Every structure is written in C-alpha cells, then in structure tokens.
Amino acid sequence: MPTQRLQEELQALRDQLERQPPLNTEERESLQALIKDIEMQMATEEALADETLTDSINLAVERFEASHPMLAGTLRSIMQSLANMGI
C-alpha cells in the first residue's frame, strides 16, 4: 500500500512538471533525475536504506519552496511516504 501511494505521488510530480510555470532545463532535468532515482531505489529493495536519496529530496524541497510551492509540497509528500516505508 505505501508503495502504491508513492507511485501515485511520483505520477503527481510528473504531471506537475508538465503543467507548472516554466522551469529552466536544469530544474526540470534535476527533478526528472530525482524521480528516476526514487524508482530505482524502489526496484532494488536492498538499496532502500540509502540516505542520499532523502538528502536529495530535502534539497529539492528547499530549492523549489519559494518558486514552486506545489512541487515542494509534492516532494514533501514523497518524503513522508518514504518515511512511512521505513526509508
């Protein structure tokens, strides 16, 4: 169930990337890479304890907090889902 919730949040993040006010190429690529990292972590169960993933998400939240609050909110939800999964 937590994995399904996380998948839904990742899809919401993808949808927001398509609809959001313009992000520069670097910002968009950064978020797309973060999504891929999360999906790779989910695919390899043993890698789920990797703290660099949560650090990357925290940095993204800080980066987009002021300029794109909806993206930051979705990223916070993803963090909470990961925490609920014990990551």
N, C-alpha and C. Protein backbone atom coordinates (compact mmCIF):
# COMPACT_ATOMS: atom_id res chain seq x y z
N MET A 1 0.81 -1.21 0.00
CA MET A 1 0.00 0.00 0.00
C MET A 1 0.85 1.27 0.00
N PRO A 2 1.89 1.37 0.85
CA PRO A 2 2.73 2.58 0.80
C PRO A 2 3.42 2.74 -0.55
N THR A 3 3.77 1.61 -1.18
CA THR A 3 4.42 1.69 -2.48
C THR A 3 3.46 2.26 -3.52
N GLN A 4 2.20 1.86 -3.45
CA GLN A 4 1.21 2.39 -4.38
C GLN A 4 1.03 3.89 -4.18
N ARG A 5 1.00 4.32 -2.94
CA ARG A 5 0.86 5.75 -2.62
C ARG A 5 2.06 6.52 -3.19
N LEU A 6 3.24 5.95 -3.03
CA LEU A 6 4.45 6.59 -3.54
C LEU A 6 4.40 6.69 -5.07
N GLN A 7 3.93 5.65 -5.73
CA GLN A 7 3.80 5.68 -7.19
C GLN A 7 2.84 6.79 -7.61
N GLU A 8 1.73 6.93 -6.88
CA GLU A 8 0.75 7.99 -7.19
C GLU A 8 1.38 9.37 -7.01
N GLU A 9 2.18 9.54 -5.97
CA GLU A 9 2.83 10.83 -5.73
C GLU A 9 3.87 11.14 -6.80
N LEU A 10 4.59 10.11 -7.24
CA LEU A 10 5.56 10.31 -8.32
C LEU A 10 4.85 10.71 -9.61
N GLN A 11 3.69 10.10 -9.87
CA GLN A 11 2.93 10.48 -11.06
C GLN A 11 2.41 11.91 -10.93
N ALA A 12 2.00 12.29 -9.72
CA ALA A 12 1.55 13.67 -9.50
C ALA A 12 2.70 14.65 -9.77
N LEU A 13 3.90 14.28 -9.37
CA LEU A 13 5.06 15.12 -9.61
C LEU A 13 5.33 15.25 -11.11
N ARG A 14 5.23 14.13 -11.83
CA ARG A 14 5.40 14.18 -13.30
C ARG A 14 4.36 15.10 -13.94
N ASP A 15 3.11 14.96 -13.48
CA ASP A 15 2.03 15.79 -14.02
C ASP A 15 2.30 17.27 -13.75
N GLN A 16 2.77 17.57 -12.56
CA GLN A 16 3.07 18.97 -12.22
C GLN A 16 4.21 19.51 -13.07
N LEU A 17 5.18 18.66 -13.37
CA LEU A 17 6.28 19.11 -14.23
C LEU A 17 5.77 19.51 -15.61
N GLU A 18 4.73 18.85 -16.08
CA GLU A 18 4.17 19.19 -17.39
C GLU A 18 3.32 20.46 -17.34
N ARG A 19 2.67 20.73 -16.20
CA ARG A 19 1.74 21.86 -16.09
C ARG A 19 2.32 23.09 -15.45
N GLN A 20 3.38 22.97 -14.69
CA GLN A 20 3.91 24.08 -13.90
C GLN A 20 4.36 25.25 -14.76
N PRO A 21 4.43 26.41 -14.13
CA PRO A 21 5.05 27.54 -14.80
C PRO A 21 6.45 27.12 -15.23
N PRO A 22 6.99 27.80 -16.18
CA PRO A 22 8.25 27.35 -16.77
C PRO A 22 9.37 27.09 -15.76
N LEU A 23 9.92 25.91 -15.86
CA LEU A 23 11.13 25.57 -15.13
C LEU A 23 12.26 25.65 -16.14
N ASN A 24 13.42 26.02 -15.68
CA ASN A 24 14.52 26.00 -16.63
C ASN A 24 14.95 24.54 -16.85
N THR A 25 15.75 24.33 -17.86
CA THR A 25 16.14 22.98 -18.25
C THR A 25 16.83 22.25 -17.10
N GLU A 26 17.69 22.94 -16.39
CA GLU A 26 18.41 22.31 -15.27
C GLU A 26 17.44 21.85 -14.17
N GLU A 27 16.47 22.69 -13.83
CA GLU A 27 15.49 22.33 -12.79
C GLU A 27 14.67 21.13 -13.22
N ARG A 28 14.19 21.15 -14.45
CA ARG A 28 13.37 20.05 -14.96
C ARG A 28 14.17 18.74 -14.98
N GLU A 29 15.40 18.80 -15.47
CA GLU A 29 16.23 17.60 -15.52
C GLU A 29 16.57 17.09 -14.12
N SER A 30 16.77 18.01 -13.20
CA SER A 30 17.06 17.64 -11.82
C SER A 30 15.90 16.85 -11.21
N LEU A 31 14.68 17.34 -11.42
CA LEU A 31 13.52 16.64 -10.88
C LEU A 31 13.27 15.32 -11.58
N GLN A 32 13.49 15.26 -12.88
CA GLN A 32 13.32 14.01 -13.61
C GLN A 32 14.34 12.97 -13.14
N ALA A 33 15.57 13.41 -12.87
CA ALA A 33 16.59 12.50 -12.36
C ALA A 33 16.23 12.00 -10.96
N LEU A 34 15.65 12.89 -10.15
CA LEU A 34 15.23 12.51 -8.81
C LEU A 34 14.13 11.45 -8.87
N ILE A 35 13.18 11.63 -9.77
CA ILE A 35 12.12 10.64 -9.96
C ILE A 35 12.73 9.28 -10.34
N LYS A 36 13.66 9.29 -11.27
CA LYS A 36 14.32 8.04 -11.68
C LYS A 36 15.06 7.40 -10.52
N ASP A 37 15.73 8.22 -9.71
CA ASP A 37 16.46 7.69 -8.54
C ASP A 37 15.50 7.00 -7.57
N ILE A 38 14.37 7.63 -7.32
CA ILE A 38 13.38 7.05 -6.40
C ILE A 38 12.86 5.73 -6.97
N GLU A 39 12.56 5.71 -8.25
CA GLU A 39 12.06 4.48 -8.87
C GLU A 39 13.11 3.37 -8.83
N MET A 40 14.37 3.72 -9.05
CA MET A 40 15.44 2.72 -8.98
C MET A 40 15.59 2.19 -7.56
N GLN A 41 15.48 3.06 -6.58
CA GLN A 41 15.56 2.64 -5.19
C GLN A 41 14.43 1.69 -4.84
N MET A 42 13.24 1.98 -5.35
CA MET A 42 12.08 1.11 -5.09
C MET A 42 12.26 -0.26 -5.75
N ALA A 43 12.89 -0.28 -6.92
CA ALA A 43 13.08 -1.53 -7.65
C ALA A 43 14.11 -2.43 -6.96
N THR A 44 15.09 -1.83 -6.29
CA THR A 44 16.12 -2.62 -5.60
C THR A 44 15.91 -2.47 -4.11
N GLU A 45 15.21 -3.39 -3.55
CA GLU A 45 14.83 -3.34 -2.13
C GLU A 45 16.03 -3.09 -1.21
N GLU A 46 17.17 -3.70 -1.49
CA GLU A 46 18.31 -3.56 -0.59
C GLU A 46 18.87 -2.15 -0.58
N ALA A 47 18.59 -1.38 -1.61
CA ALA A 47 19.13 -0.02 -1.68
C ALA A 47 18.23 0.99 -0.97
N LEU A 48 17.12 0.55 -0.43
CA LEU A 48 16.14 1.47 0.14
C LEU A 48 16.64 2.24 1.36
N ALA A 49 17.69 1.80 1.97
CA ALA A 49 18.19 2.49 3.15
C ALA A 49 19.14 3.64 2.79
N ASP A 50 19.29 3.92 1.54
CA ASP A 50 20.23 4.94 1.07
C ASP A 50 19.79 6.34 1.51
N GLU A 51 20.58 6.96 2.38
CA GLU A 51 20.23 8.28 2.90
C GLU A 51 20.43 9.39 1.88
N THR A 52 21.24 9.14 0.85
CA THR A 52 21.46 10.19 -0.15
C THR A 52 20.17 10.52 -0.89
N LEU A 53 19.28 9.55 -1.01
CA LEU A 53 18.00 9.80 -1.67
C LEU A 53 17.19 10.81 -0.87
N THR A 54 17.06 10.60 0.42
CA THR A 54 16.29 11.54 1.23
C THR A 54 16.96 12.91 1.27
N ASP A 55 18.29 12.91 1.28
CA ASP A 55 19.00 14.19 1.23
C ASP A 55 18.70 14.93 -0.08
N SER A 56 18.67 14.20 -1.18
CA SER A 56 18.38 14.81 -2.48
C SER A 56 16.97 15.39 -2.52
N ILE A 57 16.04 14.67 -1.94
CA ILE A 57 14.65 15.16 -1.92
C ILE A 57 14.55 16.40 -1.04
N ASN A 58 15.22 16.38 0.12
CA ASN A 58 15.22 17.55 1.00
C ASN A 58 15.80 18.77 0.30
N LEU A 59 16.88 18.58 -0.42
CA LEU A 59 17.48 19.69 -1.16
C LEU A 59 16.53 20.22 -2.23
N ALA A 60 15.82 19.32 -2.90
CA ALA A 60 14.86 19.75 -3.91
C ALA A 60 13.72 20.54 -3.28
N VAL A 61 13.25 20.11 -2.12
CA VAL A 61 12.19 20.85 -1.41
C VAL A 61 12.66 22.26 -1.12
N GLU A 62 13.87 22.38 -0.58
CA GLU A 62 14.41 23.71 -0.27
C GLU A 62 14.56 24.56 -1.53
N ARG A 63 14.98 23.93 -2.60
CA ARG A 63 15.22 24.66 -3.86
C ARG A 63 13.93 25.23 -4.45
N PHE A 64 12.83 24.47 -4.35
CA PHE A 64 11.60 24.87 -5.00
C PHE A 64 10.56 25.47 -4.05
N GLU A 65 10.89 25.56 -2.77
CA GLU A 65 9.95 26.06 -1.77
C GLU A 65 9.32 27.39 -2.16
N ALA A 66 10.13 28.37 -2.52
CA ALA A 66 9.62 29.71 -2.80
C ALA A 66 9.11 29.84 -4.23
N SER A 67 9.81 29.26 -5.18
CA SER A 67 9.45 29.48 -6.58
C SER A 67 8.33 28.56 -7.08
N HIS A 68 8.24 27.35 -6.55
CA HIS A 68 7.23 26.38 -7.00
C HIS A 68 6.69 25.61 -5.78
N PRO A 69 5.86 26.26 -4.97
CA PRO A 69 5.39 25.63 -3.73
C PRO A 69 4.61 24.33 -3.93
N MET A 70 3.91 24.20 -5.04
CA MET A 70 3.17 22.94 -5.27
C MET A 70 4.14 21.78 -5.49
N LEU A 71 5.21 22.02 -6.23
CA LEU A 71 6.22 20.98 -6.42
C LEU A 71 6.85 20.62 -5.08
N ALA A 72 7.16 21.62 -4.28
CA ALA A 72 7.76 21.37 -2.97
C ALA A 72 6.81 20.55 -2.09
N GLY A 73 5.53 20.85 -2.16
CA GLY A 73 4.54 20.10 -1.38
C GLY A 73 4.47 18.64 -1.81
N THR A 74 4.52 18.41 -3.10
CA THR A 74 4.51 17.03 -3.60
C THR A 74 5.77 16.30 -3.17
N LEU A 75 6.89 16.98 -3.23
CA LEU A 75 8.15 16.38 -2.78
C LEU A 75 8.09 16.04 -1.29
N ARG A 76 7.46 16.89 -0.49
CA ARG A 76 7.30 16.60 0.94
C ARG A 76 6.44 15.36 1.14
N SER A 77 5.39 15.22 0.33
CA SER A 77 4.53 14.04 0.42
C SER A 77 5.32 12.77 0.08
N ILE A 78 6.18 12.88 -0.92
CA ILE A 78 7.03 11.75 -1.29
C ILE A 78 7.95 11.39 -0.12
N MET A 79 8.51 12.41 0.52
CA MET A 79 9.37 12.17 1.69
C MET A 79 8.59 11.44 2.79
N GLN A 80 7.36 11.87 3.01
CA GLN A 80 6.55 11.24 4.06
C GLN A 80 6.25 9.78 3.70
N SER A 81 5.95 9.52 2.46
CA SER A 81 5.70 8.14 2.03
C SER A 81 6.93 7.27 2.21
N LEU A 82 8.09 7.81 1.87
CA LEU A 82 9.33 7.07 2.07
C LEU A 82 9.57 6.79 3.55
N ALA A 83 9.29 7.79 4.38
CA ALA A 83 9.45 7.63 5.83
C ALA A 83 8.48 6.54 6.35
N ASN A 84 7.27 6.54 5.84
CA ASN A 84 6.29 5.53 6.25
C ASN A 84 6.72 4.12 5.84
N MET A 85 7.53 4.05 4.77
CA MET A 85 8.04 2.77 4.32
C MET A 85 9.31 2.38 5.06
N GLY A 86 9.77 3.24 5.95
CA GLY A 86 10.97 2.96 6.72
C GLY A 86 12.26 3.36 6.02
N ILE A 87 12.14 4.28 5.09
CA ILE A 87 13.31 4.69 4.32
C ILE A 87 13.79 6.04 4.82
